[in-house]
Amino acid sequence: MRPLHIALAVAVAALWGVNFVVIHVGLEHFPPLLFCGLRFLAAALPAVFLVRRPSVKWRWIIGVGLALGVGKFGLLFVGMHAGMPTGLSSLVLQAQAVFTALFAMVALAERPGRVRLAGMAVALAGIAVAAVDEGASGPLLGFALVVIAAAFWGVSNILTRKAAPADALGFTVWISTVPVLPLLLLSLVFEGPAADAEALRSLDWSGVGALLFVAWVSTVLGFGAWSFLLRTYDASAVAPFSLLVPVFGMSSAALLLGESVSPLRWCAAVLLVGGVAVTSLAGRRRPAPADTPLPAPPAERTRPPADASASRTPSTASRPSRHG
């Protein structure tokens, strides 16, 4: 990667890490479900009128929108509002790589190799250590909600891979329209119209800034830059930079919010980030297709006579190579 693009990848990771601090600020002004719904409303408007709808079926747009918007971000915001520390949220959410690999085994019939299985086990050990640390210092409900949010992120990853959108940024804008109404309705039911009205009535520049940051800067600008990098380079070159997100998330939470990082939490970070790195970067074994041609016996691999091409049948002559 060019140095400028390396700097861009690090900047996006830093942006997404600091975004957890901004979410913390926004949750001081909004109920969590209302904040999440307004976040997607701001991300979708007016961009949805400027970006063409991606050429994928509606069921993928709706499915990813619900899994990512309501499942992942809705539970993340509720979990952080319930007391889950900001820095730890940025770390635990990276367990999505483990959930993605697990769901791919079921939905996509992918067979992970031994190295990837070992990475998943290490990452799960990191989650267990983080749970012990959080159980000793804070409510486990928020921790559990963020873990479930990571699982929904894994679901959205599988659905996105099934959809295979050609325009990743346009896909992001259009799926942002899906969770708006469900989140606002859930907010009215569980948070109450009085709490929503009070949040909107007492809105100040700090709340507006947090809303616009998570909607435009983190979502539209951040994902747009990330999509550019994925179009320019192989995913294996770009994906490792996402492991910097919890580093920036935990450090910015410590610097800006005064969150302490216990030795047990550092241990959880090493295990989780290391396990996610192995899980994300290790190769996976795919089952061979049923029609894959078998290697020819040694006796059939002798060089044909000079005039053999003239007697070769059309089907044999035109048969594609195994790697074609």
Foldseek 3Di string as FASTA:
>chain_A
DDPVLVVLLLVLLLLLLCLLVLLVLLVVLAPQLLLLLLLLVLLQPPVLVVFDAFPFDPVLLQLLLCLQRCQQRSLLSNLVNQPDASLVLLQLLLLLLLLLVVVCCVPVVWFFDPLLVVLSVLQVVLLVLVLVVCVVPHDCSSVVSSNRSSNSSSVSVVSCVVRVTPDPLSSLNSSSVNCNVVSVVVCCVPVNPVRRVVSVVPDDPSNVVSSCSSRPVNRNVSVVSLVVVVVVDPCLVSVLSNLCNSVSNNVCCCVPVVDDQDPSNVSSSCSNSRSSVSNVNPDIDHDDDPPQDDDDPPVVPDDDDPCVVVVDDPCVVPPDDNVD
